[in-house]
C-alpha atoms as a PDB file:
ATOM      1  CA  MET A   1      86.731 121.582 113.407  1.00  0.00           C
ATOM      2  CA  SER A   2      86.011 117.878 113.245  1.00  0.00           C
ATOM      3  CA  VAL A   3      86.136 115.771 110.171  1.00  0.00           C
ATOM      4  CA  ASP A   4      84.313 112.445 109.421  1.00  0.00           C
ATOM      5  CA  LEU A   5      87.121 110.939 107.332  1.00  0.00           C
ATOM      6  CA  SER A   6      91.038 111.325 106.983  1.00  0.00           C
ATOM      7  CA  VAL A   7      92.518 110.479 103.662  1.00  0.00           C
ATOM      8  CA  VAL A   8      96.061 108.993 104.327  1.00  0.00           C
ATOM      9  CA  VAL A   9      98.323 109.386 101.330  1.00  0.00           C
ATOM     10  CA  PRO A  10     102.007 108.198 101.721  1.00  0.00           C
ATOM     11  CA  THR A  11     104.150 109.384  98.769  1.00  0.00           C
ATOM     12  CA  ARG A  12     107.914 109.639  97.750  1.00  0.00           C
ATOM     13  CA  GLY A  13     109.136 111.453  94.643  1.00  0.00           C
ATOM     14  CA  ARG A  14     106.073 111.834  92.486  1.00  0.00           C
ATOM     15  CA  PRO A  15     104.863 115.167  92.758  1.00  0.00           C
ATOM     16  CA  GLU A  16     102.979 114.984  89.398  1.00  0.00           C
ATOM     17  CA  ARG A  17     101.014 112.025  90.791  1.00  0.00           C
ATOM     18  CA  LEU A  18     100.236 113.545  94.104  1.00  0.00           C
ATOM     19  CA  ARG A  19      99.095 116.709  92.197  1.00  0.00           C
ATOM     20  CA  ARG A  20      96.634 114.877  90.026  1.00  0.00           C
ATOM     21  CA  LEU A  21      95.216 112.858  93.395  1.00  0.00           C
ATOM     22  CA  LEU A  22      94.760 116.283  95.208  1.00  0.00           C
ATOM     23  CA  GLU A  23      92.876 117.680  92.191  1.00  0.00           C
ATOM     24  CA  CYS A  24      90.706 114.760  92.144  1.00  0.00           C
ATOM     25  CA  LEU A  25      89.991 114.987  95.886  1.00  0.00           C
ATOM     26  CA  SER A  26      89.260 118.655  95.405  1.00  0.00           C
ATOM     27  CA  ALA A  27      86.580 117.709  93.252  1.00  0.00           C
ATOM     28  CA  GLN A  28      84.736 115.429  95.714  1.00  0.00           C
ATOM     29  CA  GLU A  29      80.855 115.357  95.902  1.00  0.00           C
ATOM     30  CA  LEU A  30      79.998 115.311  99.526  1.00  0.00           C
ATOM     31  CA  SER A  31      76.582 114.819 101.315  1.00  0.00           C
ATOM     32  CA  ASP A  32      75.419 118.004 103.314  1.00  0.00           C
ATOM     33  CA  GLY A  33      77.694 118.256 106.424  1.00  0.00           C
ATOM     34  CA  GLN A  34      80.232 115.604 105.318  1.00  0.00           C
ATOM     35  CA  ARG A  35      83.885 117.087 106.081  1.00  0.00           C
ATOM     36  CA  PHE A  36      87.168 115.134 105.276  1.00  0.00           C
ATOM     37  CA  GLU A  37      90.880 116.037 105.590  1.00  0.00           C
ATOM     38  CA  VAL A  38      94.042 114.874 103.658  1.00  0.00           C
ATOM     39  CA  VAL A  39      97.224 113.788 105.396  1.00  0.00           C
ATOM     40  CA  VAL A  40     100.138 113.687 103.031  1.00  0.00           C
ATOM     41  CA  ALA A  41     103.079 111.899 104.552  1.00  0.00           C
ATOM     42  CA  LEU A  42     106.170 112.644 102.304  1.00  0.00           C
ATOM     43  CA  ASP A  43     108.689 109.882 102.685  1.00  0.00           C
ATOM     44  CA  GLY A  44     111.832 111.814 102.092  1.00  0.00           C
ATOM     45  CA  GLY A  45     112.223 114.810  99.852  1.00  0.00           C
ATOM     46  CA  ASP A  46     110.241 118.017  99.789  1.00  0.00           C
ATOM     47  CA  GLU A  47     108.275 117.804  96.552  1.00  0.00           C
ATOM     48  CA  ALA A  48     104.851 118.966  98.116  1.00  0.00           C
ATOM     49  CA  SER A  49     105.181 122.588  97.191  1.00  0.00           C
ATOM     50  CA  GLU A  50     104.836 121.470  93.482  1.00  0.00           C
ATOM     51  CA  ALA A  51     101.868 119.535  94.238  1.00  0.00           C
ATOM     52  CA  ILE A  52      99.669 121.150  96.734  1.00  0.00           C
ATOM     53  CA  PRO A  53      96.831 123.384  95.529  1.00  0.00           C
ATOM     54  CA  VAL A  54      96.827 126.902  96.714  1.00  0.00           C
ATOM     55  CA  ARG A  55      93.506 126.623  98.619  1.00  0.00           C
ATOM     56  CA  PRO A  56      92.295 123.021  98.860  1.00  0.00           C
ATOM     57  CA  PRO A  57      88.497 122.587  99.924  1.00  0.00           C
ATOM     58  CA  PHE A  58      89.424 120.245 102.681  1.00  0.00           C
ATOM     59  CA  ASP A  59      91.967 120.433 105.738  1.00  0.00           C
ATOM     60  CA  LEU A  60      95.269 119.479 104.464  1.00  0.00           C
ATOM     61  CA  GLU A  61      98.337 118.458 106.503  1.00  0.00           C
ATOM     62  CA  VAL A  62     101.701 117.715 105.104  1.00  0.00           C
ATOM     63  CA  LEU A  63     104.198 115.670 106.996  1.00  0.00           C
ATOM     64  CA  ALA A  64     107.764 116.063 105.807  1.00  0.00           C
ATOM     65  CA  LEU A  65     109.542 113.015 106.978  1.00  0.00           C
ATOM     66  CA  PRO A  66     113.050 111.776 106.483  1.00  0.00           C
ATOM     67  CA  GLN A  67     113.125 108.632 104.233  1.00  0.00           C
ATOM     68  CA  VAL A  68     111.384 106.208 106.669  1.00  0.00           C
ATOM     69  CA  GLY A  69     109.535 103.609 104.335  1.00  0.00           C
ATOM     70  CA  ILE A  70     106.015 103.349 103.476  1.00  0.00           C
ATOM     71  CA  SER A  71     104.787 101.782 106.629  1.00  0.00           C
ATOM     72  CA  ALA A  72     106.273 104.311 108.788  1.00  0.00           C
ATOM     73  CA  ALA A  73     105.002 107.142 106.760  1.00  0.00           C
ATOM     74  CA  LYS A  74     101.387 105.798 106.974  1.00  0.00           C
ATOM     75  CA  ASN A  75     101.859 105.246 110.746  1.00  0.00           C
ATOM     76  CA  ALA A  76     102.889 108.957 111.195  1.00  0.00           C
ATOM     77  CA  ALA A  77      99.913 110.114 109.052  1.00  0.00           C
ATOM     78  CA  VAL A  78      97.496 107.953 111.146  1.00  0.00           C
ATOM     79  CA  ALA A  79      98.963 109.393 114.342  1.00  0.00           C
ATOM     80  CA  VAL A  80      98.038 112.993 113.354  1.00  0.00           C
ATOM     81  CA  SER A  81      94.744 112.261 111.529  1.00  0.00           C
ATOM     82  CA  ARG A  82      91.422 113.273 113.107  1.00  0.00           C
ATOM     83  CA  GLY A  83      88.795 111.274 111.261  1.00  0.00           C
ATOM     84  CA  ASP A  84      86.535 108.513 112.615  1.00  0.00           C
ATOM     85  CA  VAL A  85      87.102 106.809 109.312  1.00  0.00           C
ATOM     86  CA  LEU A  86      90.677 106.437 107.868  1.00  0.00           C
ATOM     87  CA  LEU A  87      90.913 106.140 103.995  1.00  0.00           C
ATOM     88  CA  PHE A  88      94.087 104.876 102.655  1.00  0.00           C
ATOM     89  CA  VAL A  89      94.961 105.864  99.052  1.00  0.00           C
ATOM     90  CA  ASN A  90      98.080 105.619  96.966  1.00  0.00           C
ATOM     91  CA  ASP A  91      99.430 108.724  95.486  1.00  0.00           C
ATOM     92  CA  ASP A  92      98.581 107.654  91.820  1.00  0.00           C
ATOM     93  CA  VAL A  93      95.071 106.827  92.512  1.00  0.00           C
ATOM     94  CA  GLU A  94      92.574 109.121  90.521  1.00  0.00           C
ATOM     95  CA  PRO A  95      89.511 108.734  92.485  1.00  0.00           C
ATOM     96  CA  ALA A  96      86.108 109.286  91.178  1.00  0.00           C
ATOM     97  CA  PRO A  97      84.200 112.414  92.747  1.00  0.00           C
ATOM     98  CA  THR A  98      82.181 110.111  94.947  1.00  0.00           C
ATOM     99  CA  LEU A  99      85.070 108.188  96.777  1.00  0.00           C
ATOM    100  CA  VAL A 100      84.792 109.906  99.999  1.00  0.00           C
ATOM    101  CA  ARG A 101      81.080 109.859 100.196  1.00  0.00           C
ATOM    102  CA  GLU A 102      80.843 106.148  99.294  1.00  0.00           C
ATOM    103  CA  HIS A 103      83.532 105.130 101.692  1.00  0.00           C
ATOM    104  CA  LEU A 104      81.585 106.840 104.546  1.00  0.00           C
ATOM    105  CA  ALA A 105      78.267 105.312 103.448  1.00  0.00           C
ATOM    106  CA  ALA A 106      79.886 101.932 103.652  1.00  0.00           C
ATOM    107  CA  GLN A 107      81.416 102.600 106.940  1.00  0.00           C
ATOM    108  CA  ARG A 108      78.271 103.846 108.332  1.00  0.00           C
ATOM    109  CA  SER A 109      76.355 100.737 107.282  1.00  0.00           C
ATOM    110  CA  GLY A 110      78.359  98.797 109.699  1.00  0.00           C
ATOM    111  CA  GLU A 111      81.441  97.590 107.774  1.00  0.00           C
ATOM    112  CA  GLU A 112      84.680  97.745 109.565  1.00  0.00           C
ATOM    113  CA  ILE A 113      87.052  97.646 106.409  1.00  0.00           C
ATOM    114  CA  VAL A 114      85.912  98.639 102.891  1.00  0.00           C
ATOM    115  CA  LEU A 115      88.007  97.895  99.817  1.00  0.00           C
ATOM    116  CA  GLY A 116      87.103 100.249  96.893  1.00  0.00           C
ATOM    117  CA  CYS A 117      87.813  99.102  93.268  1.00  0.00           C
ATOM    118  CA  SER A 118      90.962 100.587  91.800  1.00  0.00           C
ATOM    119  CA  PRO A 119      91.388  99.217  88.272  1.00  0.00           C
ATOM    120  CA  TRP A 120      94.823  99.234  86.685  1.00  0.00           C
ATOM    121  CA  MET A 121      95.298 102.584  84.771  1.00  0.00           C
ATOM    122  CA  ARG A 122      95.194 102.214  81.040  1.00  0.00           C
ATOM    123  CA  PHE A 123      98.143 104.254  79.531  1.00  0.00           C
ATOM    124  CA  ALA A 124      98.446 105.809  75.990  1.00  0.00           C
ATOM    125  CA  ARG A 125     101.804 103.980  75.669  1.00  0.00           C
ATOM    126  CA  PRO A 126     101.658 101.095  77.874  1.00  0.00           C
ATOM    127  CA  THR A 127     104.293  99.005  78.777  1.00  0.00           C
ATOM    128  CA  VAL A 128     104.161  95.112  78.638  1.00  0.00           C
ATOM    129  CA  PHE A 129     104.046  95.305  82.469  1.00  0.00           C
ATOM    130  CA  ASN A 130     101.170  97.656  82.455  1.00  0.00           C
ATOM    131  CA  GLU A 131      99.269  95.445  79.910  1.00  0.00           C
ATOM    132  CA  LEU A 132      99.760  92.288  82.079  1.00  0.00           C
ATOM    133  CA  ILE A 133      98.696  93.851  85.197  1.00  0.00           C
ATOM    134  CA  ALA A 134      95.602  95.389  83.410  1.00  0.00           C
ATOM    135  CA  ALA A 135      94.539  92.069  81.702  1.00  0.00           C
ATOM    136  CA  SER A 136      95.372  89.535  84.238  1.00  0.00           C
ATOM    137  CA  ARG A 137      94.904  88.771  88.207  1.00  0.00           C
ATOM    138  CA  MET A 138      98.544  88.767  88.585  1.00  0.00           C
ATOM    139  CA  ILE A 139      98.334  91.433  91.542  1.00  0.00           C
ATOM    140  CA  PHE A 140      94.802  92.546  91.794  1.00  0.00           C
ATOM    141  CA  PHE A 141      91.691  90.299  91.503  1.00  0.00           C
ATOM    142  CA  TYR A 142      88.807  93.091  91.125  1.00  0.00           C
ATOM    143  CA  GLY A 143      87.091  91.326  88.171  1.00  0.00           C
ATOM    144  CA  GLN A 144      86.687  88.170  90.357  1.00  0.00           C
ATOM    145  CA  MET A 145      85.408  89.930  93.415  1.00  0.00           C
ATOM    146  CA  GLU A 146      81.718  90.452  94.261  1.00  0.00           C
ATOM    147  CA  GLY A 147      80.410  93.468  96.161  1.00  0.00           C
ATOM    148  CA  GLY A 148      79.177  92.932  99.708  1.00  0.00           C
ATOM    149  CA  ARG A 149      81.129  89.469 100.108  1.00  0.00           C
ATOM    150  CA  ARG A 150      83.788  89.063 102.757  1.00  0.00           C
ATOM    151  CA  TYR A 151      87.442  88.485 101.612  1.00  0.00           C
ATOM    152  CA  GLY A 152      90.780  87.816 103.548  1.00  0.00           C
ATOM    153  CA  PHE A 153      93.775  89.846 104.025  1.00  0.00           C
ATOM    154  CA  ARG A 154      95.158  88.971 100.618  1.00  0.00           C
ATOM    155  CA  HIS A 155      92.497  91.446  99.402  1.00  0.00           C
ATOM    156  CA  ALA A 156      93.345  94.372 101.702  1.00  0.00           C
ATOM    157  CA  TRP A 157      95.422  96.649  99.278  1.00  0.00           C
ATOM    158  CA  ASN A 158      95.818 100.094 100.885  1.00  0.00           C
ATOM    159  CA  LEU A 159      95.395 101.946  97.509  1.00  0.00           C
ATOM    160  CA  ASN A 160      91.674 102.289  98.288  1.00  0.00           C
ATOM    161  CA  LEU A 161      90.778 100.905 101.756  1.00  0.00           C
ATOM    162  CA  SER A 162      88.941 102.474 104.562  1.00  0.00           C
ATOM    163  CA  VAL A 163      88.836 101.265 108.133  1.00  0.00           C
ATOM    164  CA  GLN A 164      87.081 102.665 111.348  1.00  0.00           C
ATOM    165  CA  ARG A 165      89.452 104.246 113.680  1.00  0.00           C
ATOM    166  CA  GLY A 166      88.504 102.252 116.427  1.00  0.00           C
ATOM    167  CA  ARG A 167      89.168  98.953 114.614  1.00  0.00           C
ATOM    168  CA  LEU A 168      92.482 100.201 113.653  1.00  0.00           C
ATOM    169  CA  ASN A 169      93.230 101.181 117.318  1.00  0.00           C
ATOM    170  CA  THR A 170      92.484  97.482 118.316  1.00  0.00           C
ATOM    171  CA  LEU A 171      95.077  96.161 115.706  1.00  0.00           C
ATOM    172  CA  THR A 172      97.674  98.861 116.809  1.00  0.00           C
ATOM    173  CA  SER A 173      97.153  97.792 120.505  1.00  0.00           C
ATOM    174  CA  ALA A 174      97.857  94.228 119.578  1.00  0.00           C
ATOM    175  CA  ALA A 175     100.885  95.092 117.544  1.00  0.00           C
ATOM    176  CA  ASP A 176     102.311  97.272 120.491  1.00  0.00           C
ATOM    177  CA  ARG A 177     101.928  94.097 122.678  1.00  0.00           C
ATOM    178  CA  SER A 178     104.004  92.123 120.380  1.00  0.00           C
ATOM    179  CA  GLY A 179     106.719  94.723 119.946  1.00  0.00           C
ATOM    180  CA  ALA A 180     106.184  94.687 116.031  1.00  0.00           C
ATOM    181  CA  ALA A 181     105.092  98.043 115.264  1.00  0.00           C
ATOM    182  CA  ALA A 182     104.808 101.665 116.081  1.00  0.00           C
ATOM    183  CA  GLY A 183     101.410 102.041 114.602  1.00  0.00           C
ATOM    184  CA  PRO A 184      99.005  99.807 112.611  1.00  0.00           C
ATOM    185  CA  PHE A 185     101.481  99.221 109.960  1.00  0.00           C
ATOM    186  CA  ASP A 186     104.592  96.810 110.781  1.00  0.00           C
ATOM    187  CA  GLU A 187     107.557  99.226 110.035  1.00  0.00           C
ATOM    188  CA  ARG A 188     109.779  95.958 109.598  1.00  0.00           C
ATOM    189  CA  PHE A 189     108.170  95.421 106.150  1.00  0.00           C
ATOM    190  CA  ARG A 190     110.367  97.702 104.131  1.00  0.00           C
ATOM    191  CA  PRO A 191     109.613  97.048 100.435  1.00  0.00           C
ATOM    192  CA  CYS A 192     106.687  98.885  98.949  1.00  0.00           C
ATOM    193  CA  MET A 193     103.384  96.698  99.073  1.00  0.00           C
ATOM    194  CA  TYR A 194     104.431  94.327 101.832  1.00  0.00           C
ATOM    195  CA  GLU A 195     102.684  96.483 104.346  1.00  0.00           C
ATOM    196  CA  ASP A 196      99.363  95.871 102.650  1.00  0.00           C
END
């Protein structure tokens, strides 16, 4: 059966975070007829059994990969995904119940790339680093961004970003011609977050 959207989740060694994400995705409020799948790319390890719900209300594919890096994990997940829209989320995102529905609506309105807001989580016992990230624009600039305005690549964080498959295929073809990547994400960028 076809799906409208594929949620791509790269993860490594954080089953408790993955479990919470999958719980939130299990509570999605969809419009009539909307279907989505989740493709989890395990970047080394086999922690998925601790995190996977017994019967999630969505199609679920788990890719057990050797430790290949986040870019290669995303590329592997994209390769097996089926949705016309790809939604990239980090394993520690706790999405609202409207996440999938809102990304689909934005994509169907003609946007090619949609960045959803992902404010830094507030912790009961925050570290100085947690507070610095939450209170400043050191990494994320959500407080200064305006809905509907266009932004450059510096704002294309993959922790809550959707893109039309056709657009991603165009980028992948260009990367293939340059010899830079085996998919939309350049696997030469090994440190986490550089692939964004």
